[in-house]
N, C-alpha and C. Protein backbone atom coordinates (compact mmCIF):
# COMPACT_ATOMS: atom_id res chain seq x y z
N UNK A 1 70.08 161.71 -6.18
CA UNK A 1 69.76 160.71 -7.44
C UNK A 1 68.46 161.15 -8.04
N UNK A 2 67.70 161.79 -7.33
CA UNK A 2 66.57 162.23 -8.22
C UNK A 2 66.64 163.29 -9.34
N UNK A 3 67.94 164.23 -9.24
CA UNK A 3 68.15 165.21 -10.09
C UNK A 3 69.01 164.41 -11.51
N UNK A 4 69.50 163.15 -11.32
CA UNK A 4 70.00 162.31 -12.21
C UNK A 4 68.64 161.87 -13.29
N UNK A 5 67.82 161.20 -12.46
CA UNK A 5 66.59 161.01 -13.07
C UNK A 5 65.91 161.82 -13.89
N UNK A 6 65.67 162.86 -13.33
CA UNK A 6 65.21 164.04 -13.86
C UNK A 6 65.68 164.52 -15.10
N UNK A 7 67.05 164.65 -15.06
CA UNK A 7 67.81 165.09 -16.09
C UNK A 7 67.76 164.06 -17.10
N UNK A 8 67.96 162.86 -16.88
CA UNK A 8 67.69 161.74 -17.86
C UNK A 8 66.18 161.69 -18.85
N UNK A 9 65.34 161.93 -17.90
CA UNK A 9 63.93 162.02 -18.28
C UNK A 9 63.80 163.33 -19.14
N UNK A 10 64.27 164.57 -18.78
CA UNK A 10 64.43 165.47 -19.43
C UNK A 10 65.16 165.74 -20.66
N UNK A 11 66.19 164.82 -20.84
CA UNK A 11 67.18 164.46 -22.22
C UNK A 11 66.15 163.58 -23.12
N UNK A 12 65.51 162.72 -22.51
CA UNK A 12 64.79 161.93 -23.37
C UNK A 12 63.59 162.35 -24.02
N UNK A 13 63.18 163.25 -23.22
CA UNK A 13 61.80 164.27 -23.63
C UNK A 13 62.42 165.21 -24.94
N UNK A 14 63.61 165.67 -24.71
CA UNK A 14 64.28 166.72 -25.65
C UNK A 14 64.52 165.82 -26.66
N UNK A 15 64.95 164.73 -27.04
CA UNK A 15 65.48 164.03 -27.99
C UNK A 15 64.34 163.65 -28.57
N UNK A 16 63.10 163.25 -27.98
CA UNK A 16 61.87 162.79 -28.70
C UNK A 16 61.46 164.15 -29.61
N UNK A 17 61.19 165.40 -29.11
CA UNK A 17 60.93 166.39 -29.53
C UNK A 17 61.90 166.73 -30.88
N UNK A 18 63.14 166.55 -30.48
CA UNK A 18 63.99 166.75 -31.85
C UNK A 18 63.52 165.54 -32.97
N UNK A 19 63.31 164.68 -32.31
CA UNK A 19 63.07 163.69 -33.59
C UNK A 19 61.73 163.92 -34.27
N UNK A 20 60.64 164.31 -33.44
CA UNK A 20 59.23 164.69 -34.18
C UNK A 20 59.76 166.04 -35.01
N UNK A 21 60.36 166.65 -34.79
CA UNK A 21 60.83 167.86 -35.73
C UNK A 21 61.58 167.46 -37.04
N UNK A 22 62.48 166.37 -36.58
CA UNK A 22 63.22 165.82 -37.98
C UNK A 22 61.93 165.42 -38.84
N UNK A 23 61.10 164.51 -38.36
CA UNK A 23 59.97 163.78 -39.25
C UNK A 23 59.11 164.87 -39.93
N UNK A 24 58.77 165.84 -39.06
CA UNK A 24 58.08 167.12 -39.85
C UNK A 24 58.68 167.84 -40.85
N UNK A 25 60.05 167.91 -40.69
CA UNK A 25 60.95 168.55 -41.64
C UNK A 25 61.21 167.75 -43.05
N UNK A 26 61.37 166.53 -42.77
CA UNK A 26 61.31 165.41 -43.66
C UNK A 26 60.07 165.62 -44.64
N UNK A 27 59.00 165.38 -44.20
CA UNK A 27 57.75 165.50 -44.96
C UNK A 27 57.46 166.81 -45.34
N UNK A 28 57.87 167.95 -44.74
CA UNK A 28 57.72 169.17 -45.61
C UNK A 28 58.63 169.52 -46.65
N UNK A 29 60.02 168.69 -46.57
CA UNK A 29 60.85 168.99 -47.68
C UNK A 29 60.32 168.12 -48.86
N UNK A 30 59.72 166.90 -48.69
CA UNK A 30 59.40 166.01 -49.65
C UNK A 30 58.03 166.37 -50.30
N UNK A 31 57.00 166.93 -49.40
CA UNK A 31 56.01 167.67 -50.20
C UNK A 31 56.21 168.68 -50.85
N UNK A 32 57.20 169.83 -50.27
CA UNK A 32 57.26 171.04 -51.10
C UNK A 32 58.04 170.57 -52.22
N UNK A 33 58.98 169.59 -52.31
CA UNK A 33 59.86 169.69 -53.62
C UNK A 33 59.03 168.60 -54.53
N UNK A 34 58.25 167.87 -54.14
CA UNK A 34 57.47 167.18 -55.03
C UNK A 34 56.23 168.21 -55.68
N UNK A 35 55.69 169.16 -54.78
CA UNK A 35 54.71 169.95 -55.29
C UNK A 35 55.42 170.89 -56.30
N UNK A 36 56.68 171.37 -55.96
CA UNK A 36 57.60 172.37 -56.83
C UNK A 36 57.94 171.60 -58.19
N UNK A 37 57.95 170.51 -58.24
CA UNK A 37 58.52 169.96 -59.48
C UNK A 37 57.12 169.76 -60.45
N UNK A 38 55.82 169.36 -59.71
CA UNK A 38 54.79 169.28 -60.53
C UNK A 38 54.03 170.74 -60.92
N UNK A 39 54.33 171.65 -60.03
CA UNK A 39 54.02 173.24 -60.13
C UNK A 39 54.71 173.97 -60.89
N UNK A 40 55.96 173.36 -61.09
CA UNK A 40 57.12 174.24 -61.70
C UNK A 40 57.16 175.52 -60.93
N UNK A 41 57.36 175.43 -59.77
CA UNK A 41 57.53 176.35 -58.85
C UNK A 41 58.62 176.60 -58.10
N UNK A 42 59.62 177.73 -58.45
CA UNK A 42 60.69 177.98 -57.79
C UNK A 42 60.77 178.29 -56.45
N UNK A 43 59.78 178.87 -56.08
CA UNK A 43 59.44 179.20 -54.52
C UNK A 43 59.20 177.82 -53.85
N UNK A 44 58.66 176.98 -54.42
CA UNK A 44 58.23 175.73 -53.39
C UNK A 44 59.47 175.02 -53.30
N UNK A 45 60.57 175.00 -54.56
CA UNK A 45 61.71 174.11 -54.49
C UNK A 45 62.49 174.85 -53.66
N UNK A 46 62.67 176.21 -53.52
CA UNK A 46 63.30 176.76 -52.59
C UNK A 46 63.00 176.22 -51.06
N UNK A 47 61.53 176.28 -50.84
CA UNK A 47 61.26 175.90 -49.35
C UNK A 47 61.34 174.52 -49.01
N UNK A 48 61.63 173.63 -50.23
CA UNK A 48 61.74 172.20 -49.89
C UNK A 48 63.45 172.09 -49.49
N UNK A 49 64.02 173.26 -50.21
CA UNK A 49 65.76 173.03 -50.09
C UNK A 49 66.07 173.75 -48.87
N UNK A 50 65.08 174.77 -48.42
CA UNK A 50 65.35 175.17 -47.03
C UNK A 50 65.05 174.16 -45.91
N UNK A 51 64.28 173.48 -46.10
CA UNK A 51 63.90 172.37 -45.32
C UNK A 51 64.81 171.37 -45.02
N UNK A 52 65.67 171.02 -46.06
CA UNK A 52 66.80 170.27 -45.99
C UNK A 52 67.99 170.85 -45.43
N UNK A 53 68.08 172.27 -45.41
CA UNK A 53 69.15 172.81 -44.79
C UNK A 53 68.67 172.70 -43.18
N UNK A 54 67.50 173.11 -42.87
CA UNK A 54 67.22 172.79 -41.39
C UNK A 54 67.28 171.67 -41.09
N UNK A 55 67.12 170.43 -41.75
CA UNK A 55 67.23 168.93 -41.36
C UNK A 55 68.82 169.04 -40.89
N UNK A 56 69.70 169.62 -41.84
CA UNK A 56 71.20 169.60 -41.46
C UNK A 56 71.50 170.18 -40.09
N UNK A 57 70.66 171.20 -40.04
CA UNK A 57 71.04 171.85 -38.46
C UNK A 57 70.57 171.11 -37.59
N UNK A 58 69.28 170.64 -37.67
CA UNK A 58 68.77 169.51 -36.63
C UNK A 58 69.54 168.37 -36.22
N UNK A 59 69.87 168.01 -37.30
CA UNK A 59 71.07 166.87 -37.28
C UNK A 59 72.30 167.10 -36.16
N UNK A 60 72.71 168.46 -36.23
CA UNK A 60 74.14 168.86 -35.80
C UNK A 60 73.27 169.05 -34.17
N UNK A 61 72.16 169.31 -34.07
CA UNK A 61 71.62 169.52 -32.72
C UNK A 61 71.78 168.23 -31.78
N UNK A 62 71.26 167.22 -32.71
CA UNK A 62 70.89 165.90 -32.16
C UNK A 62 72.25 165.18 -31.95
N UNK A 63 73.27 165.45 -32.75
CA UNK A 63 74.55 165.02 -32.75
C UNK A 63 75.16 165.53 -31.39
N UNK A 64 74.93 166.85 -31.20
CA UNK A 64 75.73 167.52 -30.18
C UNK A 64 74.96 167.51 -28.53
N UNK A 65 73.76 166.93 -28.84
CA UNK A 65 72.98 166.57 -27.67
C UNK A 65 73.55 165.29 -26.95
N UNK A 66 73.57 165.23 -25.61
CA UNK A 66 74.20 164.21 -25.13
C UNK A 66 72.95 163.04 -24.88
N UNK A 67 73.36 161.74 -25.04
CA UNK A 67 72.35 160.66 -24.81
C UNK A 67 72.12 160.51 -23.31
N UNK A 68 70.62 160.21 -23.20
CA UNK A 68 70.42 159.76 -21.60
C UNK A 68 71.14 158.69 -21.15
N UNK A 69 71.31 157.63 -22.16
CA UNK A 69 71.87 156.58 -21.59
C UNK A 69 73.29 156.29 -21.76
N UNK A 70 74.21 156.94 -22.74
CA UNK A 70 75.35 156.88 -22.61
C UNK A 70 76.19 158.26 -23.19
N UNK A 71 77.29 158.75 -22.93
CA UNK A 71 77.95 159.92 -23.36
C UNK A 71 78.73 159.86 -24.23
N UNK A 72 78.66 158.82 -25.18
CA UNK A 72 79.37 158.46 -26.33
C UNK A 72 78.88 159.14 -27.37
N UNK A 73 80.12 159.87 -28.01
CA UNK A 73 79.73 160.77 -29.19
C UNK A 73 79.98 159.82 -30.53
N UNK A 74 80.43 158.85 -30.59
CA UNK A 74 80.42 157.96 -31.63
C UNK A 74 79.21 157.78 -32.44
N UNK A 75 78.02 157.25 -31.76
CA UNK A 75 76.53 157.30 -32.40
C UNK A 75 76.31 158.69 -32.95
N UNK A 76 76.43 159.64 -32.44
CA UNK A 76 75.99 160.81 -32.79
C UNK A 76 76.63 161.11 -34.12
N UNK A 77 78.18 161.15 -34.29
CA UNK A 77 78.91 161.08 -35.51
C UNK A 77 78.38 160.30 -36.53
N UNK A 78 78.43 159.21 -36.45
CA UNK A 78 77.73 158.23 -37.28
C UNK A 78 76.19 158.76 -37.89
N UNK A 79 75.49 159.02 -36.97
CA UNK A 79 74.01 159.47 -37.49
C UNK A 79 74.32 160.99 -38.13
N UNK A 80 75.11 161.89 -37.98
CA UNK A 80 75.09 162.92 -38.57
C UNK A 80 75.96 162.73 -40.09
N UNK A 81 76.97 161.76 -39.95
CA UNK A 81 77.42 161.32 -41.50
C UNK A 81 76.44 160.88 -42.27
N UNK A 82 75.60 159.69 -41.78
CA UNK A 82 74.82 159.37 -42.52
C UNK A 82 73.57 160.11 -43.18
N UNK A 83 73.11 161.05 -42.12
CA UNK A 83 72.10 162.14 -42.78
C UNK A 83 72.45 163.23 -43.79
N UNK A 84 73.79 163.47 -43.58
CA UNK A 84 74.86 164.53 -44.51
C UNK A 84 74.73 163.39 -45.77
N UNK A 85 75.16 162.38 -45.74
CA UNK A 85 75.15 161.73 -47.11
C UNK A 85 73.98 161.61 -47.90
N UNK A 86 72.61 161.32 -46.80
CA UNK A 86 71.38 160.93 -47.48
C UNK A 86 70.98 162.24 -47.97
N UNK A 87 71.02 163.44 -47.29
CA UNK A 87 70.70 164.62 -47.82
C UNK A 87 71.43 165.03 -49.11
N UNK A 88 72.61 164.91 -49.10
CA UNK A 88 73.59 165.20 -50.28
C UNK A 88 72.94 164.23 -51.43
N UNK A 89 72.69 163.07 -51.31
CA UNK A 89 72.40 162.27 -52.46
C UNK A 89 70.89 162.37 -52.94
N UNK A 90 70.13 163.02 -52.10
CA UNK A 90 68.92 163.31 -52.43
C UNK A 90 68.99 164.74 -53.39
N UNK A 91 69.63 165.41 -52.96
CA UNK A 91 70.08 166.70 -53.74
C UNK A 91 70.67 166.51 -54.91
N UNK A 92 71.65 165.59 -55.04
CA UNK A 92 72.37 165.18 -56.26
C UNK A 92 71.49 164.61 -57.14
N UNK A 93 70.49 163.71 -56.74
CA UNK A 93 69.60 163.09 -57.53
C UNK A 93 68.40 163.57 -58.40
N UNK A 94 67.97 164.68 -57.16
CA UNK A 94 66.81 165.41 -57.54
C UNK A 94 67.06 166.52 -58.64
N UNK A 95 68.30 167.18 -58.35
CA UNK A 95 68.54 168.20 -59.46
C UNK A 95 68.65 167.98 -60.79
N UNK A 96 68.99 166.96 -61.11
CA UNK A 96 68.91 166.55 -62.59
C UNK A 96 67.64 166.20 -63.15
N UNK A 97 66.83 165.71 -62.22
CA UNK A 97 65.41 165.56 -62.59
C UNK A 97 64.84 166.91 -62.79
N UNK A 98 64.94 167.95 -61.90
CA UNK A 98 64.39 169.35 -62.11
C UNK A 98 64.78 169.77 -63.66
N UNK A 99 65.95 169.55 -64.19
CA UNK A 99 66.04 170.04 -65.48
C UNK A 99 65.45 169.07 -66.46
N UNK A 100 64.94 168.01 -66.25
CA UNK A 100 64.35 167.08 -67.34
C UNK A 100 62.90 167.48 -67.40
N UNK A 101 62.40 167.66 -66.25
CA UNK A 101 60.90 168.21 -66.21
C UNK A 101 60.40 169.80 -66.34
N UNK A 102 61.55 170.40 -66.64
CA UNK A 102 61.63 171.84 -66.77
C UNK A 102 60.57 172.11 -67.83
N UNK A 103 59.70 172.85 -68.12
CA UNK A 103 58.99 173.01 -69.45
C UNK A 103 59.90 174.27 -70.18
N UNK A 104 59.66 174.38 -71.51
CA UNK A 104 60.30 175.23 -72.15
C UNK A 104 60.00 176.51 -71.69
N UNK A 105 60.78 177.53 -71.68
CA UNK A 105 60.62 178.84 -71.53
C UNK A 105 59.53 179.35 -72.49
N UNK A 106 58.58 180.13 -71.75
CA UNK A 106 57.37 180.91 -72.72
C UNK A 106 57.45 182.49 -72.46
N UNK A 107 57.21 183.05 -73.50
CA UNK A 107 57.22 184.82 -73.41
C UNK A 107 55.89 184.90 -72.39
N UNK A 108 56.06 185.79 -71.77
CA UNK A 108 54.96 186.49 -70.61
C UNK A 108 53.90 186.95 -71.34
N UNK A 109 54.34 187.93 -72.22
CA UNK A 109 53.19 188.41 -73.21
C UNK A 109 53.40 188.22 -74.59
N UNK A 110 52.78 187.63 -75.38
CA UNK A 110 52.94 187.21 -76.76
C UNK A 110 52.70 188.55 -77.59
N UNK A 111 53.52 188.79 -78.50
CA UNK A 111 53.66 189.89 -79.21
C UNK A 111 53.62 189.43 -80.85
């Protein structure tokens, strides 16, 4: 019986670490994308987009992780679907904004 309790405790801790990682990546993506828009930096925008891709991978890890309380995959599938929809919506709405705030191209060397 002790191994079952240890497994459930370990799974709970692992899921907590995954959620902390998700929170970090969300803040990383938001800060990088906002800073990239204001600084007109493609590198920062790419970094923010990379964080969104990592979020999708993290969602897949959480989805495949067994729950310490139940072994149902329905909740995990619903979670991954909602996260995919949320990240797709963010990308869909931020992309046009980037075109609107894009400054006109300037010559690097005035001649």
